[in-house]
Amino acid sequence: HAGPVKRPQKTANSFAPQEDVNVLM
């Protein structure tokens, strides 16, 4: 992104499930 990097808050819903990441990879 253009702009300052924001640190997202780690929440249970904020990360994609591992299965979606594997499919994407």
mmCIF file of all heavy atoms, coordinates in Angstrom:
data_MODEL
# 
_entry.id   MODEL 
# 
loop_
_atom_site.group_PDB 
_atom_site.id 
_atom_site.type_symbol 
_atom_site.label_atom_id 
_atom_site.label_alt_id 
_atom_site.label_comp_id 
_atom_site.label_asym_id 
_atom_site.label_entity_id 
_atom_site.label_seq_id 
_atom_site.pdbx_PDB_ins_code 
_atom_site.Cartn_x 
_atom_site.Cartn_y 
_atom_site.Cartn_z 
_atom_site.occupancy 
_atom_site.B_iso_or_equiv 
_atom_site.pdbx_formal_charge 
_atom_site.auth_seq_id 
_atom_site.auth_comp_id 
_atom_site.auth_asym_id 
_atom_site.auth_atom_id 
_atom_site.pdbx_PDB_model_num 
ATOM 1   N N   . HIS A 1 1  ? 0.865   -1.184  0.000  1.00 0.00 ? 1  HIS A N   1 
ATOM 2   C CA  . HIS A 1 1  ? 0.000   0.000   0.000  1.00 0.00 ? 1  HIS A CA  1 
ATOM 3   C C   . HIS A 1 1  ? 0.887   1.215   0.000  1.00 0.00 ? 1  HIS A C   1 
ATOM 4   O O   . HIS A 1 1  ? 1.975   1.215   0.558  1.00 0.00 ? 1  HIS A O   1 
ATOM 5   C CB  . HIS A 1 1  ? -0.880  0.059   1.264  1.00 0.00 ? 1  HIS A CB  1 
ATOM 6   C CG  . HIS A 1 1  ? -1.884  -1.050  1.312  1.00 0.00 ? 1  HIS A CG  1 
ATOM 7   N ND1 . HIS A 1 1  ? -2.991  -1.083  0.531  1.00 0.00 ? 1  HIS A ND1 1 
ATOM 8   C CD2 . HIS A 1 1  ? -1.973  -2.167  2.108  1.00 0.00 ? 1  HIS A CD2 1 
ATOM 9   C CE1 . HIS A 1 1  ? -3.719  -2.148  0.818  1.00 0.00 ? 1  HIS A CE1 1 
ATOM 10  N NE2 . HIS A 1 1  ? -3.108  -2.833  1.777  1.00 0.00 ? 1  HIS A NE2 1 
ATOM 11  N N   . ALA A 1 2  ? 0.366   2.283   -0.550 1.00 0.00 ? 2  ALA A N   1 
ATOM 12  C CA  . ALA A 1 2  ? 1.095   3.522   -0.463 1.00 0.00 ? 2  ALA A CA  1 
ATOM 13  C C   . ALA A 1 2  ? 0.715   4.211   0.855  1.00 0.00 ? 2  ALA A C   1 
ATOM 14  O O   . ALA A 1 2  ? -0.448  4.391   1.121  1.00 0.00 ? 2  ALA A O   1 
ATOM 15  C CB  . ALA A 1 2  ? 0.758   4.407   -1.645 1.00 0.00 ? 2  ALA A CB  1 
ATOM 16  N N   . GLY A 1 3  ? 1.633   4.546   1.614  1.00 0.00 ? 3  GLY A N   1 
ATOM 17  C CA  . GLY A 1 3  ? 1.345   5.217   2.879  1.00 0.00 ? 3  GLY A CA  1 
ATOM 18  C C   . GLY A 1 3  ? 2.015   4.501   4.033  1.00 0.00 ? 3  GLY A C   1 
ATOM 19  O O   . GLY A 1 3  ? 2.696   3.508   3.855  1.00 0.00 ? 3  GLY A O   1 
ATOM 20  N N   . PRO A 1 4  ? 1.810   5.001   5.238  1.00 0.00 ? 4  PRO A N   1 
ATOM 21  C CA  . PRO A 1 4  ? 2.446   4.375   6.383  1.00 0.00 ? 4  PRO A CA  1 
ATOM 22  C C   . PRO A 1 4  ? 1.865   2.997   6.638  1.00 0.00 ? 4  PRO A C   1 
ATOM 23  O O   . PRO A 1 4  ? 0.707   2.745   6.387  1.00 0.00 ? 4  PRO A O   1 
ATOM 24  C CB  . PRO A 1 4  ? 2.139   5.305   7.554  1.00 0.00 ? 4  PRO A CB  1 
ATOM 25  C CG  . PRO A 1 4  ? 1.032   6.166   7.097  1.00 0.00 ? 4  PRO A CG  1 
ATOM 26  C CD  . PRO A 1 4  ? 1.033   6.169   5.621  1.00 0.00 ? 4  PRO A CD  1 
ATOM 27  N N   . VAL A 1 5  ? 2.684   2.167   7.134  1.00 0.00 ? 5  VAL A N   1 
ATOM 28  C CA  . VAL A 1 5  ? 2.290   0.797   7.386  1.00 0.00 ? 5  VAL A CA  1 
ATOM 29  C C   . VAL A 1 5  ? 1.553   0.767   8.735  1.00 0.00 ? 5  VAL A C   1 
ATOM 30  O O   . VAL A 1 5  ? 2.056   1.231   9.753  1.00 0.00 ? 5  VAL A O   1 
ATOM 31  C CB  . VAL A 1 5  ? 3.516   -0.126  7.418  1.00 0.00 ? 5  VAL A CB  1 
ATOM 32  C CG1 . VAL A 1 5  ? 3.093   -1.549  7.755  1.00 0.00 ? 5  VAL A CG1 1 
ATOM 33  C CG2 . VAL A 1 5  ? 4.257   -0.050  6.122  1.00 0.00 ? 5  VAL A CG2 1 
ATOM 34  N N   . LYS A 1 6  ? 0.369   0.227   8.736  1.00 0.00 ? 6  LYS A N   1 
ATOM 35  C CA  . LYS A 1 6  ? -0.406  0.091   9.954  1.00 0.00 ? 6  LYS A CA  1 
ATOM 36  C C   . LYS A 1 6  ? -0.287  -1.325  10.425 1.00 0.00 ? 6  LYS A C   1 
ATOM 37  O O   . LYS A 1 6  ? -0.377  -2.239  9.616  1.00 0.00 ? 6  LYS A O   1 
ATOM 38  C CB  . LYS A 1 6  ? -1.877  0.413   9.697  1.00 0.00 ? 6  LYS A CB  1 
ATOM 39  C CG  . LYS A 1 6  ? -2.126  1.830   9.350  1.00 0.00 ? 6  LYS A CG  1 
ATOM 40  C CD  . LYS A 1 6  ? -3.615  2.022   9.160  1.00 0.00 ? 6  LYS A CD  1 
ATOM 41  C CE  . LYS A 1 6  ? -3.901  3.406   8.667  1.00 0.00 ? 6  LYS A CE  1 
ATOM 42  N NZ  . LYS A 1 6  ? -5.277  3.618   8.421  1.00 0.00 ? 6  LYS A NZ  1 
ATOM 43  N N   . ARG A 1 7  ? -0.149  -1.500  11.617 1.00 0.00 ? 7  ARG A N   1 
ATOM 44  C CA  . ARG A 1 7  ? -0.081  -2.834  12.185 1.00 0.00 ? 7  ARG A CA  1 
ATOM 45  C C   . ARG A 1 7  ? -1.495  -3.264  12.493 1.00 0.00 ? 7  ARG A C   1 
ATOM 46  O O   . ARG A 1 7  ? -2.187  -2.672  13.287 1.00 0.00 ? 7  ARG A O   1 
ATOM 47  C CB  . ARG A 1 7  ? 0.725   -2.851  13.450 1.00 0.00 ? 7  ARG A CB  1 
ATOM 48  C CG  . ARG A 1 7  ? 2.124   -2.356  13.243 1.00 0.00 ? 7  ARG A CG  1 
ATOM 49  C CD  . ARG A 1 7  ? 3.070   -3.444  13.694 1.00 0.00 ? 7  ARG A CD  1 
ATOM 50  N NE  . ARG A 1 7  ? 4.425   -2.979  13.466 1.00 0.00 ? 7  ARG A NE  1 
ATOM 51  C CZ  . ARG A 1 7  ? 5.263   -3.627  12.737 1.00 0.00 ? 7  ARG A CZ  1 
ATOM 52  N NH1 . ARG A 1 7  ? 4.936   -4.724  12.174 1.00 0.00 ? 7  ARG A NH1 1 
ATOM 53  N NH2 . ARG A 1 7  ? 6.471   -3.183  12.579 1.00 0.00 ? 7  ARG A NH2 1 
ATOM 54  N N   . PRO A 1 8  ? -1.919  -4.271  11.842 1.00 0.00 ? 8  PRO A N   1 
ATOM 55  C CA  . PRO A 1 8  ? -3.266  -4.737  12.143 1.00 0.00 ? 8  PRO A CA  1 
ATOM 56  C C   . PRO A 1 8  ? -3.296  -5.390  13.518 1.00 0.00 ? 8  PRO A C   1 
ATOM 57  O O   . PRO A 1 8  ? -2.318  -5.968  13.954 1.00 0.00 ? 8  PRO A O   1 
ATOM 58  C CB  . PRO A 1 8  ? -3.556  -5.745  11.042 1.00 0.00 ? 8  PRO A CB  1 
ATOM 59  C CG  . PRO A 1 8  ? -2.243  -6.116  10.468 1.00 0.00 ? 8  PRO A CG  1 
ATOM 60  C CD  . PRO A 1 8  ? -1.292  -5.021  10.805 1.00 0.00 ? 8  PRO A CD  1 
ATOM 61  N N   . GLN A 1 9  ? -4.417  -5.281  14.053 1.00 0.00 ? 9  GLN A N   1 
ATOM 62  C CA  . GLN A 1 9  ? -4.592  -5.919  15.346 1.00 0.00 ? 9  GLN A CA  1 
ATOM 63  C C   . GLN A 1 9  ? -4.866  -7.370  15.105 1.00 0.00 ? 9  GLN A C   1 
ATOM 64  O O   . GLN A 1 9  ? -5.625  -7.719  14.207 1.00 0.00 ? 9  GLN A O   1 
ATOM 65  C CB  . GLN A 1 9  ? -5.765  -5.299  16.090 1.00 0.00 ? 9  GLN A CB  1 
ATOM 66  C CG  . GLN A 1 9  ? -5.495  -3.875  16.450 1.00 0.00 ? 9  GLN A CG  1 
ATOM 67  C CD  . GLN A 1 9  ? -6.700  -3.284  17.163 1.00 0.00 ? 9  GLN A CD  1 
ATOM 68  O OE1 . GLN A 1 9  ? -7.742  -3.903  17.262 1.00 0.00 ? 9  GLN A OE1 1 
ATOM 69  N NE2 . GLN A 1 9  ? -6.535  -2.093  17.695 1.00 0.00 ? 9  GLN A NE2 1 
ATOM 70  N N   . LYS A 1 10 ? -4.270  -8.148  15.924 1.00 0.00 ? 10 LYS A N   1 
ATOM 71  C CA  . LYS A 1 10 ? -4.423  -9.579  15.743 1.00 0.00 ? 10 LYS A CA  1 
ATOM 72  C C   . LYS A 1 10 ? -5.708  -9.976  16.421 1.00 0.00 ? 10 LYS A C   1 
ATOM 73  O O   . LYS A 1 10 ? -5.847  -9.897  17.620 1.00 0.00 ? 10 LYS A O   1 
ATOM 74  C CB  . LYS A 1 10 ? -3.256  -10.335 16.339 1.00 0.00 ? 10 LYS A CB  1 
ATOM 75  C CG  . LYS A 1 10 ? -1.973  -10.061 15.596 1.00 0.00 ? 10 LYS A CG  1 
ATOM 76  C CD  . LYS A 1 10 ? -0.894  -10.910 16.141 1.00 0.00 ? 10 LYS A CD  1 
ATOM 77  C CE  . LYS A 1 10 ? 0.396   -10.593 15.414 1.00 0.00 ? 10 LYS A CE  1 
ATOM 78  N NZ  . LYS A 1 10 ? 1.499   -11.356 15.851 1.00 0.00 ? 10 LYS A NZ  1 
ATOM 79  N N   . THR A 1 11 ? -6.579  -10.413 15.589 1.00 0.00 ? 11 THR A N   1 
ATOM 80  C CA  . THR A 1 11 ? -7.830  -10.941 16.074 1.00 0.00 ? 11 THR A CA  1 
ATOM 81  C C   . THR A 1 11 ? -8.011  -12.295 15.481 1.00 0.00 ? 11 THR A C   1 
ATOM 82  O O   . THR A 1 11 ? -7.336  -12.667 14.538 1.00 0.00 ? 11 THR A O   1 
ATOM 83  C CB  . THR A 1 11 ? -9.032  -10.045 15.694 1.00 0.00 ? 11 THR A CB  1 
ATOM 84  O OG1 . THR A 1 11 ? -9.087  -9.988  14.298 1.00 0.00 ? 11 THR A OG1 1 
ATOM 85  C CG2 . THR A 1 11 ? -8.929  -8.687  16.313 1.00 0.00 ? 11 THR A CG2 1 
ATOM 86  N N   . ALA A 1 12 ? -8.964  -13.008 15.916 1.00 0.00 ? 12 ALA A N   1 
ATOM 87  C CA  . ALA A 1 12 ? -9.189  -14.379 15.441 1.00 0.00 ? 12 ALA A CA  1 
ATOM 88  C C   . ALA A 1 12 ? -9.669  -14.380 14.005 1.00 0.00 ? 12 ALA A C   1 
ATOM 89  O O   . ALA A 1 12 ? -9.375  -15.296 13.257 1.00 0.00 ? 12 ALA A O   1 
ATOM 90  C CB  . ALA A 1 12 ? -10.195 -15.082 16.345 1.00 0.00 ? 12 ALA A CB  1 
ATOM 91  N N   . ASN A 1 13 ? -10.338 -13.339 13.606 1.00 0.00 ? 13 ASN A N   1 
ATOM 92  C CA  . ASN A 1 13 ? -10.894 -13.300 12.240 1.00 0.00 ? 13 ASN A CA  1 
ATOM 93  C C   . ASN A 1 13 ? -9.989  -12.542 11.284 1.00 0.00 ? 13 ASN A C   1 
ATOM 94  O O   . ASN A 1 13 ? -10.278 -12.446 10.116 1.00 0.00 ? 13 ASN A O   1 
ATOM 95  C CB  . ASN A 1 13 ? -12.258 -12.641 12.258 1.00 0.00 ? 13 ASN A CB  1 
ATOM 96  C CG  . ASN A 1 13 ? -13.286 -13.499 12.946 1.00 0.00 ? 13 ASN A CG  1 
ATOM 97  O OD1 . ASN A 1 13 ? -13.087 -14.717 13.017 1.00 0.00 ? 13 ASN A OD1 1 
ATOM 98  N ND2 . ASN A 1 13 ? -14.323 -12.893 13.468 1.00 0.00 ? 13 ASN A ND2 1 
ATOM 99  N N   . SER A 1 14 ? -8.918  -11.956 11.744 1.00 0.00 ? 14 SER A N   1 
ATOM 100 C CA  . SER A 1 14 ? -8.128  -11.104 10.874 1.00 0.00 ? 14 SER A CA  1 
ATOM 101 C C   . SER A 1 14 ? -7.214  -11.882 9.928  1.00 0.00 ? 14 SER A C   1 
ATOM 102 O O   . SER A 1 14 ? -6.825  -11.362 8.899  1.00 0.00 ? 14 SER A O   1 
ATOM 103 C CB  . SER A 1 14 ? -7.305  -10.140 11.711 1.00 0.00 ? 14 SER A CB  1 
ATOM 104 O OG  . SER A 1 14 ? -6.379  -10.863 12.483 1.00 0.00 ? 14 SER A OG  1 
ATOM 105 N N   . PHE A 1 15 ? -6.837  -13.107 10.230 1.00 0.00 ? 15 PHE A N   1 
ATOM 106 C CA  . PHE A 1 15 ? -5.970  -13.885 9.331  1.00 0.00 ? 15 PHE A CA  1 
ATOM 107 C C   . PHE A 1 15 ? -6.820  -14.820 8.492  1.00 0.00 ? 15 PHE A C   1 
ATOM 108 O O   . PHE A 1 15 ? -7.838  -15.309 8.958  1.00 0.00 ? 15 PHE A O   1 
ATOM 109 C CB  . PHE A 1 15 ? -4.961  -14.704 10.117 1.00 0.00 ? 15 PHE A CB  1 
ATOM 110 C CG  . PHE A 1 15 ? -3.907  -13.845 10.753 1.00 0.00 ? 15 PHE A CG  1 
ATOM 111 C CD1 . PHE A 1 15 ? -3.883  -13.691 12.128 1.00 0.00 ? 15 PHE A CD1 1 
ATOM 112 C CD2 . PHE A 1 15 ? -2.954  -13.215 10.000 1.00 0.00 ? 15 PHE A CD2 1 
ATOM 113 C CE1 . PHE A 1 15 ? -2.921  -12.917 12.728 1.00 0.00 ? 15 PHE A CE1 1 
ATOM 114 C CE2 . PHE A 1 15 ? -1.993  -12.446 10.616 1.00 0.00 ? 15 PHE A CE2 1 
ATOM 115 C CZ  . PHE A 1 15 ? -1.971  -12.286 11.969 1.00 0.00 ? 15 PHE A CZ  1 
ATOM 116 N N   . ALA A 1 16 ? -6.325  -15.042 7.297  1.00 0.00 ? 16 ALA A N   1 
ATOM 117 C CA  . ALA A 1 16 ? -7.035  -15.978 6.426  1.00 0.00 ? 16 ALA A CA  1 
ATOM 118 C C   . ALA A 1 16 ? -6.765  -17.367 6.916  1.00 0.00 ? 16 ALA A C   1 
ATOM 119 O O   . ALA A 1 16 ? -5.700  -17.642 7.461  1.00 0.00 ? 16 ALA A O   1 
ATOM 120 C CB  . ALA A 1 16 ? -6.563  -15.824 4.993  1.00 0.00 ? 16 ALA A CB  1 
ATOM 121 N N   . PRO A 1 17 ? -7.679  -18.240 6.750  1.00 0.00 ? 17 PRO A N   1 
ATOM 122 C CA  . PRO A 1 17 ? -7.431  -19.597 7.183  1.00 0.00 ? 17 PRO A CA  1 
ATOM 123 C C   . PRO A 1 17 ? -6.264  -20.199 6.418  1.00 0.00 ? 17 PRO A C   1 
ATOM 124 O O   . PRO A 1 17 ? -5.974  -19.833 5.287  1.00 0.00 ? 17 PRO A O   1 
ATOM 125 C CB  . PRO A 1 17 ? -8.730  -20.333 6.876  1.00 0.00 ? 17 PRO A CB  1 
ATOM 126 C CG  . PRO A 1 17 ? -9.657  -19.367 6.268  1.00 0.00 ? 17 PRO A CG  1 
ATOM 127 C CD  . PRO A 1 17 ? -8.989  -18.051 6.206  1.00 0.00 ? 17 PRO A CD  1 
ATOM 128 N N   . GLN A 1 18 ? -5.588  -21.096 7.004  1.00 0.00 ? 18 GLN A N   1 
ATOM 129 C CA  . GLN A 1 18 ? -4.410  -21.754 6.450  1.00 0.00 ? 18 GLN A CA  1 
ATOM 130 C C   . GLN A 1 18 ? -4.752  -22.447 5.144  1.00 0.00 ? 18 GLN A C   1 
ATOM 131 O O   . GLN A 1 18 ? -3.942  -22.445 4.219  1.00 0.00 ? 18 GLN A O   1 
ATOM 132 C CB  . GLN A 1 18 ? -3.859  -22.765 7.466  1.00 0.00 ? 18 GLN A CB  1 
ATOM 133 C CG  . GLN A 1 18 ? -2.562  -23.417 7.046  1.00 0.00 ? 18 GLN A CG  1 
ATOM 134 C CD  . GLN A 1 18 ? -1.433  -22.433 6.974  1.00 0.00 ? 18 GLN A CD  1 
ATOM 135 O OE1 . GLN A 1 18 ? -1.376  -21.458 7.739  1.00 0.00 ? 18 GLN A OE1 1 
ATOM 136 N NE2 . GLN A 1 18 ? -0.515  -22.633 6.065  1.00 0.00 ? 18 GLN A NE2 1 
ATOM 137 N N   . GLU A 1 19 ? -5.893  -22.971 5.057  1.00 0.00 ? 19 GLU A N   1 
ATOM 138 C CA  . GLU A 1 19 ? -6.304  -23.680 3.839  1.00 0.00 ? 19 GLU A CA  1 
ATOM 139 C C   . GLU A 1 19 ? -6.389  -22.714 2.663  1.00 0.00 ? 19 GLU A C   1 
ATOM 140 O O   . GLU A 1 19 ? -5.925  -23.010 1.571  1.00 0.00 ? 19 GLU A O   1 
ATOM 141 C CB  . GLU A 1 19 ? -7.663  -24.341 4.083  1.00 0.00 ? 19 GLU A CB  1 
ATOM 142 C CG  . GLU A 1 19 ? -8.065  -25.230 2.959  1.00 0.00 ? 19 GLU A CG  1 
ATOM 143 C CD  . GLU A 1 19 ? -9.374  -25.925 3.278  1.00 0.00 ? 19 GLU A CD  1 
ATOM 144 O OE1 . GLU A 1 19 ? -9.534  -26.485 4.374  1.00 0.00 ? 19 GLU A OE1 1 
ATOM 145 O OE2 . GLU A 1 19 ? -10.212 -25.886 2.379  1.00 0.00 ? 19 GLU A OE2 1 
ATOM 146 N N   . ASP A 1 20 ? -6.895  -21.498 2.889  1.00 0.00 ? 20 ASP A N   1 
ATOM 147 C CA  . ASP A 1 20 ? -6.985  -20.504 1.813  1.00 0.00 ? 20 ASP A CA  1 
ATOM 148 C C   . ASP A 1 20 ? -5.586  -20.067 1.380  1.00 0.00 ? 20 ASP A C   1 
ATOM 149 O O   . ASP A 1 20 ? -5.307  -19.883 0.194  1.00 0.00 ? 20 ASP A O   1 
ATOM 150 C CB  . ASP A 1 20 ? -7.788  -19.285 2.286  1.00 0.00 ? 20 ASP A CB  1 
ATOM 151 C CG  . ASP A 1 20 ? -9.269  -19.589 2.420  1.00 0.00 ? 20 ASP A CG  1 
ATOM 152 O OD1 . ASP A 1 20 ? -9.693  -20.614 1.835  1.00 0.00 ? 20 ASP A OD1 1 
ATOM 153 O OD2 . ASP A 1 20 ? -9.976  -18.799 3.059  1.00 0.00 ? 20 ASP A OD2 1 
ATOM 154 N N   . VAL A 1 21 ? -4.683  -19.942 2.354  1.00 0.00 ? 21 VAL A N   1 
ATOM 155 C CA  . VAL A 1 21 ? -3.315  -19.554 2.039  1.00 0.00 ? 21 VAL A CA  1 
ATOM 156 C C   . VAL A 1 21 ? -2.652  -20.653 1.217  1.00 0.00 ? 21 VAL A C   1 
ATOM 157 O O   . VAL A 1 21 ? -1.965  -20.378 0.231  1.00 0.00 ? 21 VAL A O   1 
ATOM 158 C CB  . VAL A 1 21 ? -2.526  -19.258 3.332  1.00 0.00 ? 21 VAL A CB  1 
ATOM 159 C CG1 . VAL A 1 21 ? -1.048  -19.052 3.045  1.00 0.00 ? 21 VAL A CG1 1 
ATOM 160 C CG2 . VAL A 1 21 ? -3.101  -18.057 4.047  1.00 0.00 ? 21 VAL A CG2 1 
ATOM 161 N N   . ASN A 1 22 ? -2.875  -21.878 1.583  1.00 0.00 ? 22 ASN A N   1 
ATOM 162 C CA  . ASN A 1 22 ? -2.292  -23.001 0.832  1.00 0.00 ? 22 ASN A CA  1 
ATOM 163 C C   . ASN A 1 22 ? -2.828  -23.046 -0.598 1.00 0.00 ? 22 ASN A C   1 
ATOM 164 O O   . ASN A 1 22 ? -2.077  -23.269 -1.560 1.00 0.00 ? 22 ASN A O   1 
ATOM 165 C CB  . ASN A 1 22 ? -2.567  -24.326 1.535  1.00 0.00 ? 22 ASN A CB  1 
ATOM 166 C CG  . ASN A 1 22 ? -1.763  -24.493 2.786  1.00 0.00 ? 22 ASN A CG  1 
ATOM 167 O OD1 . ASN A 1 22 ? -0.767  -23.800 2.976  1.00 0.00 ? 22 ASN A OD1 1 
ATOM 168 N ND2 . ASN A 1 22 ? -2.171  -25.403 3.664  1.00 0.00 ? 22 ASN A ND2 1 
ATOM 169 N N   . VAL A 1 23 ? -4.130  -22.826 -0.727 1.00 0.00 ? 23 VAL A N   1 
ATOM 170 C CA  . VAL A 1 23 ? -4.744  -22.812 -2.065 1.00 0.00 ? 23 VAL A CA  1 
ATOM 171 C C   . VAL A 1 23 ? -4.151  -21.676 -2.884 1.00 0.00 ? 23 VAL A C   1 
ATOM 172 O O   . VAL A 1 23 ? -3.802  -21.832 -4.057 1.00 0.00 ? 23 VAL A O   1 
ATOM 173 C CB  . VAL A 1 23 ? -6.287  -22.703 -1.967 1.00 0.00 ? 23 VAL A CB  1 
ATOM 174 C CG1 . VAL A 1 23 ? -6.889  -22.425 -3.328 1.00 0.00 ? 23 VAL A CG1 1 
ATOM 175 C CG2 . VAL A 1 23 ? -6.864  -23.968 -1.372 1.00 0.00 ? 23 VAL A CG2 1 
ATOM 176 N N   . LEU A 1 24 ? -4.010  -20.510 -2.230 1.00 0.00 ? 24 LEU A N   1 
ATOM 177 C CA  . LEU A 1 24 ? -3.435  -19.364 -2.941 1.00 0.00 ? 24 LEU A CA  1 
ATOM 178 C C   . LEU A 1 24 ? -1.982  -19.637 -3.339 1.00 0.00 ? 24 LEU A C   1 
ATOM 179 O O   . LEU A 1 24 ? -1.568  -19.338 -4.449 1.00 0.00 ? 24 LEU A O   1 
ATOM 180 C CB  . LEU A 1 24 ? -3.480  -18.118 -2.056 1.00 0.00 ? 24 LEU A CB  1 
ATOM 181 C CG  . LEU A 1 24 ? -4.755  -17.300 -2.158 1.00 0.00 ? 24 LEU A CG  1 
ATOM 182 C CD1 . LEU A 1 24 ? -4.712  -16.158 -1.142 1.00 0.00 ? 24 LEU A CD1 1 
ATOM 183 C CD2 . LEU A 1 24 ? -4.930  -16.753 -3.525 1.00 0.00 ? 24 LEU A CD2 1 
ATOM 184 N N   . MET A 1 25 ? -1.214  -20.212 -2.433 1.00 0.00 ? 25 MET A N   1 
ATOM 185 C CA  . MET A 1 25 ? 0.180   -20.520 -2.735 1.00 0.00 ? 25 MET A CA  1 
ATOM 186 C C   . MET A 1 25 ? 0.281   -21.566 -3.839 1.00 0.00 ? 25 MET A C   1 
ATOM 187 O O   . MET A 1 25 ? 1.127   -21.461 -4.727 1.00 0.00 ? 25 MET A O   1 
ATOM 188 C CB  . MET A 1 25 ? 0.900   -21.022 -1.467 1.00 0.00 ? 25 MET A CB  1 
ATOM 189 C CG  . MET A 1 25 ? 1.166   -19.937 -0.448 1.00 0.00 ? 25 MET A CG  1 
ATOM 190 S SD  . MET A 1 25 ? 2.095   -18.584 -1.108 1.00 0.00 ? 25 MET A SD  1 
ATOM 191 C CE  . MET A 1 25 ? 3.693   -19.277 -1.242 1.00 0.00 ? 25 MET A CE  1 
# 
